[in-house]
Amino acid sequence: MTGEKMLRRAGKLVASRRAVYGDPASSMATVAARWSLTLGQQITPAQVALCLIDLKLLRLAHNPMHLDSILDVAGYAAVLREVTR
């Protein structure tokens, strides 16, 4: 799969998740609020997206060929862009 095809596929995944779960910026804000309570410090939606990217990168370190994790990194990067506009 070319990089361009992979990014298009990741875009379709983000769009399908939006249809199921709603606006990703709103979801990241909700997760940030929950993590803020759990961790006892303010967490931003951007930090949530970055932590989720980091989790996927950790998984890719074990298996760099795992397409789902690669697509998730691209998708969370797109979400990061949305929450930092």
Protein backbone atom coordinates (compact mmCIF):
# COMPACT_ATOMS: atom_id res chain seq x y z
CA MET A 1 0.00 0.00 0.00
CA THR A 2 1.38 3.40 -0.93
CA GLY A 3 1.56 6.22 1.58
CA GLU A 4 -1.18 8.08 -0.26
CA LYS A 5 -3.51 5.07 -0.17
CA MET A 6 -2.76 4.57 3.51
CA LEU A 7 -3.65 8.20 4.28
CA ARG A 8 -6.89 7.95 2.30
CA ARG A 9 -7.77 4.80 4.22
CA ALA A 10 -6.97 6.52 7.52
CA GLY A 11 -9.19 9.42 6.46
CA LYS A 12 -12.06 7.02 5.80
CA LEU A 13 -11.54 5.50 9.25
CA VAL A 14 -11.67 8.91 10.91
CA ALA A 15 -14.86 9.70 8.99
CA SER A 16 -16.48 6.40 9.98
CA ARG A 17 -15.53 6.93 13.64
CA ARG A 18 -17.00 10.45 13.44
CA ALA A 19 -20.29 8.93 12.19
CA VAL A 20 -20.36 6.46 15.09
CA TYR A 21 -18.86 8.47 17.97
CA GLY A 22 -19.43 12.09 16.96
CA ASP A 23 -16.97 14.94 16.62
CA PRO A 24 -13.43 13.82 17.54
CA ALA A 25 -12.65 17.16 19.18
CA SER A 26 -15.59 16.65 21.52
CA SER A 27 -14.51 13.07 22.25
CA MET A 28 -10.94 14.15 23.02
CA ALA A 29 -12.29 16.89 25.31
CA THR A 30 -14.38 14.32 27.18
CA VAL A 31 -11.40 11.98 27.55
CA ALA A 32 -9.26 14.93 28.69
CA ALA A 33 -11.79 15.79 31.39
CA ARG A 34 -11.87 12.18 32.61
CA TRP A 35 -8.07 11.84 32.58
CA SER A 36 -7.78 15.18 34.41
CA LEU A 37 -9.88 13.76 37.24
CA THR A 38 -7.98 10.46 37.26
CA LEU A 39 -4.54 12.06 37.18
CA GLY A 40 -5.30 15.08 39.36
CA GLN A 41 -3.97 17.58 36.85
CA GLN A 42 -5.31 19.37 33.80
CA ILE A 43 -5.08 17.31 30.60
CA THR A 44 -5.84 18.87 27.23
CA PRO A 45 -7.51 17.25 24.22
CA ALA A 46 -4.21 17.65 22.35
CA GLN A 47 -2.39 15.74 25.09
CA VAL A 48 -4.95 12.94 24.81
CA ALA A 49 -4.31 12.65 21.07
CA LEU A 50 -0.54 12.73 21.62
CA CYS A 51 -0.75 10.01 24.28
CA LEU A 52 -2.86 7.82 22.01
CA ILE A 53 -0.31 8.31 19.22
CA ASP A 54 2.43 7.38 21.67
CA LEU A 55 0.57 4.19 22.62
CA LYS A 56 0.30 3.20 18.95
CA LEU A 57 4.02 3.96 18.42
CA LEU A 58 4.86 1.68 21.34
CA ARG A 59 2.85 -1.09 19.72
CA LEU A 60 4.54 -0.44 16.38
CA ALA A 61 7.91 -0.84 18.07
CA HIS A 62 6.90 -4.46 18.68
CA ASN A 63 5.50 -4.97 15.20
CA PRO A 64 6.27 -2.21 12.66
CA MET A 65 4.15 -3.99 10.03
CA HIS A 66 0.88 -3.83 11.99
CA LEU A 67 -1.31 -1.86 9.58
CA ASP A 68 -4.06 -1.08 12.08
CA SER A 69 -1.59 0.69 14.38
CA ILE A 70 -0.09 2.60 11.45
CA LEU A 71 -3.56 3.73 10.39
CA ASP A 72 -4.39 4.69 13.97
CA VAL A 73 -1.28 6.90 14.19
CA ALA A 74 -2.35 8.71 11.02
CA GLY A 75 -5.92 9.00 12.28
CA TYR A 76 -4.89 10.35 15.68
CA ALA A 77 -2.57 12.84 13.94
CA ALA A 78 -5.61 14.08 12.01
CA VAL A 79 -7.56 14.33 15.26
CA LEU A 80 -4.65 16.23 16.81
CA ARG A 81 -4.94 18.76 14.01
CA GLU A 82 -8.65 19.13 14.68
CA VAL A 83 -8.23 19.72 18.43
CA THR A 84 -5.46 22.30 17.95
CA ARG A 85 -7.18 24.54 15.39
